[in-house]
Amino acid sequence: MCLLRLSALGDVTHVVPLLRTLRAAWPEVALSWVIGRGEHRLLAGLPGVEFVEYDKRSGLAGMLALRRHWAGRRFDALLQLQVAARANLLSACIPARRRIGYDRARSKDLHGLFVNERIPARPGSHVLDAIGSFCEPLGLRQEKVVWDLPVPAAAHAWARAQWPRDGVRTLLLSPCSSHARRNWRAERYAAVADHAAARGWRVVLCGGRSAPERDTADAILAAMRAPALDLVGKDTLEQLPALLARADLVLTPDSGPMHIANAMGAKVLGLHAASNPARSGPYSDRRYCVDRYDDAARRYLHKPAQALKWGTKIEFDGVMDLVTVADAIAAFERRVADLA
């Protein structure tokens, strides 16, 4: 059996419970996963899976190389877990008898031409549940959600070394999404961080090595009155899950780190206006999220959120300004109360 999901970090995290379901039902079945390079780094070490990387920059040449890689092989089933045009074309290079894809409502970019079976149409489901339903045409149900991400012991050791286990609660800021319009203002992150520090919490920043992430972190640090531990650009994808797991609360927009933190059992203060937390928020627990999605729908699309097609993104300039500092502090205080 072959799974095709190239990106992104949050979405491949959602695939892991499906893979666990397949492996538990059929331990003898060979499982292959076509995946992006960075996403493979996050999940390398997942047992019982043959990972095959596809580099998006390789274009058609990379697709043909994948076709040669599987010359003479034929899968019993391909789970086509991504509807983007590139993924649809790439799927044509994977020989498979059954080609299972999304229902018509969630299809795009000619997805239907590349599949011969579809998952059940269930409007209103979380992304993880939609991915989990890919086992249903095979006669299975994803009855429980298990991640158990393959985090190396060395990554946990590195994370433990970053701050002492001294009884001080830790707020970890992961301030950047790959979608710039989902990001919050630096001065607002700083205000929430200062509030947490005034409540006796440790504040830690994390993020990747890109210039926007470094610039955002610098702006947050410059606006803060309290000190913070700056780990931006210092961890790897292998270490990130262990770092997120150490936090008492992770403050982030809709992003890969949101879903990785949730998979690691961390509580998440998710900031939502551009996206619907019921569809793409932290799967296990949304008690500490800020939800301004309906406000965004009314302001930018002139209708309530319930009137929108499920999965509609409201990625307009300024949409995240609907999330106020007071909203985030109130969510933080809900977590404080639950820890008391």
Protein backbone atom coordinates (compact mmCIF):
# COMPACT_ATOMS: atom_id res chain seq x y z
CA MET A 1 0.00 0.00 0.00
CA CYS A 2 1.23 3.50 -0.80
CA LEU A 3 0.35 6.81 0.86
CA LEU A 4 0.93 10.08 -0.98
CA ARG A 5 1.14 13.21 1.17
CA LEU A 6 4.03 15.51 0.44
CA SER A 7 3.40 18.42 2.78
CA ALA A 8 3.03 20.31 5.02
CA LEU A 9 4.35 19.60 8.52
CA GLY A 10 0.95 19.82 10.19
CA ASP A 11 -0.74 17.70 7.54
CA VAL A 12 1.81 14.89 7.61
CA THR A 13 1.39 14.86 11.38
CA HIS A 14 -2.32 14.23 10.75
CA VAL A 15 -1.43 11.24 8.56
CA VAL A 16 0.44 9.40 11.33
CA PRO A 17 -2.73 8.15 13.13
CA LEU A 18 -3.99 6.74 9.81
CA LEU A 19 -0.72 4.94 9.33
CA ARG A 20 -0.93 3.57 12.88
CA THR A 21 -4.45 2.31 12.13
CA LEU A 22 -3.29 0.54 8.97
CA ARG A 23 -0.29 -1.00 10.69
CA ALA A 24 -2.35 -2.25 13.66
CA ALA A 25 -4.87 -3.93 11.35
CA TRP A 26 -2.36 -5.37 8.89
CA PRO A 27 1.09 -5.70 10.44
CA GLU A 28 2.30 -7.76 7.49
CA VAL A 29 1.36 -5.25 4.76
CA ALA A 30 4.23 -3.29 3.20
CA LEU A 31 3.59 0.45 3.55
CA SER A 32 5.29 3.11 1.43
CA TRP A 33 4.86 6.87 1.86
CA VAL A 34 5.74 9.45 -0.78
CA ILE A 35 6.64 12.54 1.21
CA GLY A 36 8.46 15.87 1.03
CA ARG A 37 12.05 16.21 2.19
CA GLY A 38 11.46 18.37 5.28
CA GLU A 39 8.42 16.35 6.29
CA HIS A 40 10.51 13.18 6.07
CA ARG A 41 13.02 14.71 8.49
CA LEU A 42 10.22 15.19 10.98
CA LEU A 43 9.00 11.59 10.73
CA ALA A 44 12.19 9.67 9.95
CA GLY A 45 12.35 6.64 12.19
CA LEU A 46 8.64 5.84 12.00
CA PRO A 47 8.73 2.03 12.07
CA GLY A 48 7.36 -0.17 9.33
CA VAL A 49 7.31 2.49 6.61
CA GLU A 50 9.34 2.89 3.43
CA PHE A 51 9.70 6.63 2.92
CA VAL A 52 10.26 7.84 -0.63
CA GLU A 53 11.12 11.54 -0.90
CA TYR A 54 9.89 13.77 -3.66
CA ASP A 55 11.55 17.16 -3.98
CA LYS A 56 9.04 19.67 -5.33
CA ARG A 57 11.86 21.54 -7.07
CA SER A 58 12.60 18.47 -9.23
CA GLY A 59 9.37 18.91 -11.19
CA LEU A 60 8.59 16.46 -13.97
CA ALA A 61 12.07 14.92 -13.83
CA GLY A 62 11.46 13.96 -10.22
CA MET A 63 8.10 12.45 -11.10
CA LEU A 64 9.65 10.31 -13.82
CA ALA A 65 12.38 9.23 -11.41
CA LEU A 66 9.68 8.09 -9.00
CA ARG A 67 8.06 6.11 -11.79
CA ARG A 68 11.38 4.38 -12.50
CA HIS A 69 11.82 3.71 -8.78
CA TRP A 70 8.72 1.52 -8.82
CA ALA A 71 9.24 -0.12 -12.18
CA GLY A 72 7.90 -3.64 -12.01
CA ARG A 73 5.94 -3.03 -8.80
CA ARG A 74 2.22 -2.48 -8.39
CA PHE A 75 0.46 -1.46 -5.21
CA ASP A 76 -2.82 -2.95 -4.11
CA ALA A 77 -3.96 0.53 -3.09
CA LEU A 78 -2.79 4.14 -3.32
CA LEU A 79 -4.15 6.56 -0.75
CA GLN A 80 -4.05 9.92 -2.54
CA LEU A 81 -4.10 12.22 0.50
CA GLN A 82 -3.37 15.49 -1.29
CA VAL A 83 -5.47 17.27 -3.91
CA ALA A 84 -2.98 19.88 -5.19
CA ALA A 85 -2.14 19.72 -8.89
CA ARG A 86 1.47 18.64 -8.30
CA ALA A 87 0.39 15.76 -6.08
CA ASN A 88 -2.28 14.69 -8.55
CA LEU A 89 0.25 14.53 -11.37
CA LEU A 90 2.75 12.72 -9.17
CA SER A 91 0.13 10.11 -8.28
CA ALA A 92 -0.06 9.13 -11.95
CA CYS A 93 3.52 7.86 -11.61
CA ILE A 94 2.56 5.44 -8.83
CA PRO A 95 1.24 2.12 -10.17
CA ALA A 96 -1.78 1.01 -8.15
CA ARG A 97 -4.95 -1.00 -8.70
CA ARG A 98 -7.13 0.94 -6.27
CA ARG A 99 -6.65 4.71 -6.19
CA ILE A 100 -8.52 6.21 -3.26
CA GLY A 101 -9.05 9.97 -3.14
CA TYR A 102 -11.17 12.67 -1.56
CA ASP A 103 -14.91 13.07 -1.97
CA ARG A 104 -16.07 15.46 -4.69
CA ALA A 105 -16.68 18.38 -2.34
CA ARG A 106 -13.04 18.38 -1.23
CA SER A 107 -11.55 17.68 -4.66
CA LYS A 108 -9.79 20.26 -6.81
CA ASP A 109 -7.17 20.54 -9.56
CA LEU A 110 -8.75 17.61 -11.49
CA HIS A 111 -8.28 15.28 -8.52
CA GLY A 112 -11.14 13.07 -9.72
CA LEU A 113 -9.25 12.12 -12.88
CA PHE A 114 -6.50 10.49 -10.83
CA VAL A 115 -8.61 8.34 -8.47
CA ASN A 116 -11.13 5.53 -8.93
CA GLU A 117 -12.57 5.45 -5.39
CA ARG A 118 -13.47 8.18 -2.90
CA ILE A 119 -13.72 8.56 0.85
CA PRO A 120 -17.14 9.31 2.42
CA ALA A 121 -18.35 12.91 2.17
CA ARG A 122 -18.58 14.26 5.73
CA PRO A 123 -18.84 18.05 5.80
CA GLY A 124 -17.77 19.61 9.06
CA SER A 125 -14.99 17.20 9.92
CA HIS A 126 -11.51 18.07 11.16
CA VAL A 127 -8.67 17.60 8.68
CA LEU A 128 -7.31 14.72 10.76
CA ASP A 129 -10.66 12.91 10.69
CA ALA A 130 -10.92 13.39 6.93
CA ILE A 131 -7.47 11.84 6.50
CA GLY A 132 -8.38 9.07 8.94
CA SER A 133 -11.40 8.13 6.81
CA PHE A 134 -9.09 6.98 4.00
CA CYS A 135 -9.02 3.57 5.65
CA GLU A 136 -12.81 3.16 5.34
CA PRO A 137 -12.88 2.07 1.67
CA LEU A 138 -10.46 -0.64 2.82
CA GLY A 139 -12.94 -1.91 5.41
CA LEU A 140 -11.37 -0.28 8.48
CA ARG A 141 -12.31 2.53 10.87
CA GLN A 142 -9.92 4.84 12.69
CA GLU A 143 -11.41 4.15 16.12
CA LYS A 144 -8.65 5.88 18.09
CA VAL A 145 -6.05 8.49 17.30
CA VAL A 146 -2.47 7.52 18.09
CA TRP A 147 0.55 9.60 17.08
CA ASP A 148 3.58 8.36 19.03
CA LEU A 149 5.89 10.47 16.87
CA PRO A 150 9.39 8.99 16.41
CA VAL A 151 11.36 11.51 18.47
CA PRO A 152 14.97 10.42 19.09
CA ALA A 153 16.23 10.18 22.65
CA ALA A 154 18.96 12.67 21.75
CA ALA A 155 16.27 15.21 20.77
CA HIS A 156 14.59 14.86 24.16
CA ALA A 157 17.97 15.27 25.85
CA TRP A 158 18.64 18.45 23.87
CA ALA A 159 15.23 19.86 24.79
CA ARG A 160 15.74 19.09 28.48
CA ALA A 161 19.04 20.98 28.40
CA GLN A 162 17.45 24.25 27.21
CA TRP A 163 15.90 25.21 30.56
CA PRO A 164 15.83 23.60 33.99
CA ARG A 165 12.95 21.61 35.38
CA ASP A 166 12.58 24.00 38.29
CA GLY A 167 8.83 24.17 38.75
CA VAL A 168 8.47 27.37 36.70
CA ARG A 169 5.72 27.13 34.08
CA THR A 170 6.80 27.70 30.48
CA LEU A 171 5.01 29.59 27.70
CA LEU A 172 6.56 28.69 24.35
CA LEU A 173 5.94 31.07 21.45
CA SER A 174 6.12 29.66 17.93
CA PRO A 175 4.97 32.86 16.23
CA CYS A 176 5.15 32.13 12.50
CA SER A 177 3.03 30.18 10.07
CA SER A 178 4.14 29.48 6.51
CA HIS A 179 1.02 31.46 5.53
CA ALA A 180 1.99 35.04 6.32
CA ARG A 181 -1.61 36.25 6.62
CA ARG A 182 -2.19 33.86 9.53
CA ASN A 183 0.55 35.55 11.55
CA TRP A 184 -0.09 37.90 14.47
CA ARG A 185 1.59 41.20 15.20
CA ALA A 186 4.89 41.03 17.10
CA GLU A 187 3.84 43.64 19.66
CA ARG A 188 0.77 41.55 20.52
CA TYR A 189 2.87 38.45 21.10
CA ALA A 190 5.12 40.61 23.29
CA ALA A 191 2.16 41.86 25.35
CA VAL A 192 0.96 38.31 26.06
CA ALA A 193 4.52 37.17 26.81
CA ASP A 194 4.97 40.04 29.29
CA HIS A 195 1.67 39.12 30.94
CA ALA A 196 2.85 35.51 31.30
CA ALA A 197 6.19 36.67 32.73
CA ALA A 198 4.38 38.89 35.24
CA ARG A 199 2.47 35.79 36.32
CA GLY A 200 5.77 34.03 37.02
CA TRP A 201 6.04 32.05 33.79
CA ARG A 202 9.18 31.48 31.75
CA VAL A 203 8.90 32.70 28.14
CA VAL A 204 10.66 30.84 25.32
CA LEU A 205 10.67 31.62 21.58
CA CYS A 206 11.23 29.01 18.91
CA GLY A 207 11.12 28.96 15.12
CA GLY A 208 13.04 28.15 11.99
CA ARG A 209 16.04 29.71 10.32
CA SER A 210 14.24 31.83 7.73
CA ALA A 211 14.67 35.60 7.66
CA PRO A 212 10.96 36.30 8.40
CA GLU A 213 11.09 34.08 11.48
CA ARG A 214 14.25 35.75 12.73
CA ASP A 215 12.80 39.21 12.07
CA THR A 216 9.57 38.33 13.89
CA ALA A 217 11.45 37.00 16.91
CA ASP A 218 13.65 40.10 17.05
CA ALA A 219 10.57 42.33 16.94
CA ILE A 220 8.92 40.39 19.76
CA LEU A 221 12.05 40.55 21.92
CA ALA A 222 12.44 44.28 21.25
CA ALA A 223 8.85 44.94 22.32
CA MET A 224 9.01 42.83 25.48
CA ARG A 225 9.85 44.28 28.88
CA ALA A 226 10.59 40.87 30.41
CA PRO A 227 13.45 38.58 29.39
CA ALA A 228 12.87 35.55 27.18
CA LEU A 229 14.88 32.54 26.10
CA ASP A 230 15.53 32.85 22.35
CA LEU A 231 15.79 29.46 20.64
CA VAL A 232 14.74 30.64 17.17
CA GLY A 233 16.87 28.90 14.56
CA LYS A 234 18.61 26.74 17.16
CA ASP A 235 16.57 23.54 16.95
CA THR A 236 16.17 21.04 14.13
CA LEU A 237 12.99 19.40 12.85
CA GLU A 238 14.04 16.29 14.75
CA GLN A 239 14.32 18.31 17.98
CA LEU A 240 11.21 20.48 17.54
CA PRO A 241 8.65 17.91 18.82
CA ALA A 242 10.67 17.37 21.99
CA LEU A 243 10.96 21.12 22.53
CA LEU A 244 7.21 21.67 22.09
CA ALA A 245 6.43 18.79 24.45
CA ARG A 246 8.27 20.55 27.31
CA ALA A 247 6.00 23.60 27.25
CA ASP A 248 3.06 24.09 29.59
CA LEU A 249 1.40 26.11 26.82
CA VAL A 250 2.34 26.75 23.19
CA LEU A 251 1.22 30.07 21.69
CA THR A 252 1.04 29.91 17.89
CA PRO A 253 -1.12 30.70 14.86
CA ASP A 254 -2.49 27.92 12.66
CA SER A 255 0.84 26.29 11.79
CA GLY A 256 2.82 23.07 11.63
CA PRO A 257 4.14 23.53 15.19
CA MET A 258 0.53 23.80 16.42
CA HIS A 259 -0.23 20.29 15.22
CA ILE A 260 3.13 18.83 16.22
CA ALA A 261 2.67 20.26 19.73
CA ASN A 262 -0.81 18.72 19.92
CA ALA A 263 0.54 15.36 18.76
CA MET A 264 3.16 15.52 21.51
CA GLY A 265 0.51 16.14 24.17
CA ALA A 266 1.23 19.84 24.72
CA LYS A 267 -1.61 22.30 25.26
CA VAL A 268 -1.98 24.92 22.55
CA LEU A 269 -3.15 28.53 22.61
CA GLY A 270 -4.02 28.72 18.93
CA LEU A 271 -4.82 32.03 17.26
CA HIS A 272 -7.57 31.68 14.65
CA ALA A 273 -9.22 34.19 12.37
CA ALA A 274 -7.97 33.25 8.91
CA SER A 275 -8.85 29.58 9.44
CA ASN A 276 -11.55 27.65 11.25
CA PRO A 277 -10.26 25.97 14.44
CA ALA A 278 -13.01 23.35 14.19
CA ARG A 279 -11.42 22.19 10.94
CA SER A 280 -7.73 22.89 11.45
CA GLY A 281 -7.17 23.74 15.09
CA PRO A 282 -5.32 21.53 17.58
CA TYR A 283 -7.15 18.23 17.31
CA SER A 284 -7.16 17.03 20.90
CA ASP A 285 -8.00 20.16 22.87
CA ARG A 286 -9.17 23.58 21.68
CA ARG A 287 -10.09 24.98 25.11
CA TYR A 288 -7.23 27.46 25.01
CA CYS A 289 -7.71 28.67 21.43
CA VAL A 290 -8.94 32.09 20.32
CA ASP A 291 -11.63 31.81 17.65
CA ARG A 292 -12.37 34.93 15.58
CA TYR A 293 -13.20 32.98 12.42
CA ASP A 294 -16.88 34.00 12.42
CA ASP A 295 -15.91 37.65 12.91
CA ALA A 296 -13.56 37.34 9.94
CA ALA A 297 -16.27 35.76 7.79
CA ARG A 298 -18.69 38.57 8.55
CA ARG A 299 -16.15 41.34 7.98
CA TYR A 300 -14.36 40.07 4.88
CA LEU A 301 -16.91 37.75 3.21
CA HIS A 302 -20.09 39.44 4.51
CA LYS A 303 -21.72 36.28 5.78
CA PRO A 304 -21.56 34.17 8.96
CA ALA A 305 -19.05 31.33 9.15
CA GLN A 306 -21.84 28.74 9.10
CA ALA A 307 -22.83 29.97 5.62
CA LEU A 308 -19.35 29.37 4.19
CA LYS A 309 -18.20 26.25 2.39
CA TRP A 310 -16.41 24.04 4.91
CA GLY A 311 -12.69 24.69 4.74
CA THR A 312 -12.93 28.26 3.45
CA LYS A 313 -9.82 30.23 4.38
CA ILE A 314 -10.13 33.95 5.06
CA GLU A 315 -6.56 35.00 4.39
CA PHE A 316 -6.88 38.76 3.95
CA ASP A 317 -4.41 41.43 4.99
CA GLY A 318 -5.18 42.41 8.57
CA VAL A 319 -7.53 39.52 9.32
CA MET A 320 -5.46 38.43 12.33
CA ASP A 321 -5.93 41.88 13.89
CA LEU A 322 -9.38 40.59 14.86
CA VAL A 323 -7.56 38.52 17.51
CA THR A 324 -6.91 40.92 20.37
CA VAL A 325 -4.34 40.82 23.15
CA ALA A 326 -7.24 40.54 25.59
CA ASP A 327 -8.46 37.43 23.73
CA ALA A 328 -5.10 35.74 24.05
CA ILE A 329 -4.61 36.74 27.69
CA ALA A 330 -8.05 35.35 28.53
CA ALA A 331 -7.10 32.06 26.87
CA PHE A 332 -3.79 32.04 28.76
CA GLU A 333 -5.65 32.59 32.03
CA ARG A 334 -7.91 29.62 31.25
CA ARG A 335 -4.78 27.48 31.15
CA VAL A 336 -3.46 29.04 34.37
CA ALA A 337 -6.75 28.23 36.11
CA ASP A 338 -6.68 24.62 34.91
CA LEU A 339 -3.11 24.19 36.20
CA ALA A 340 -3.95 25.56 39.65
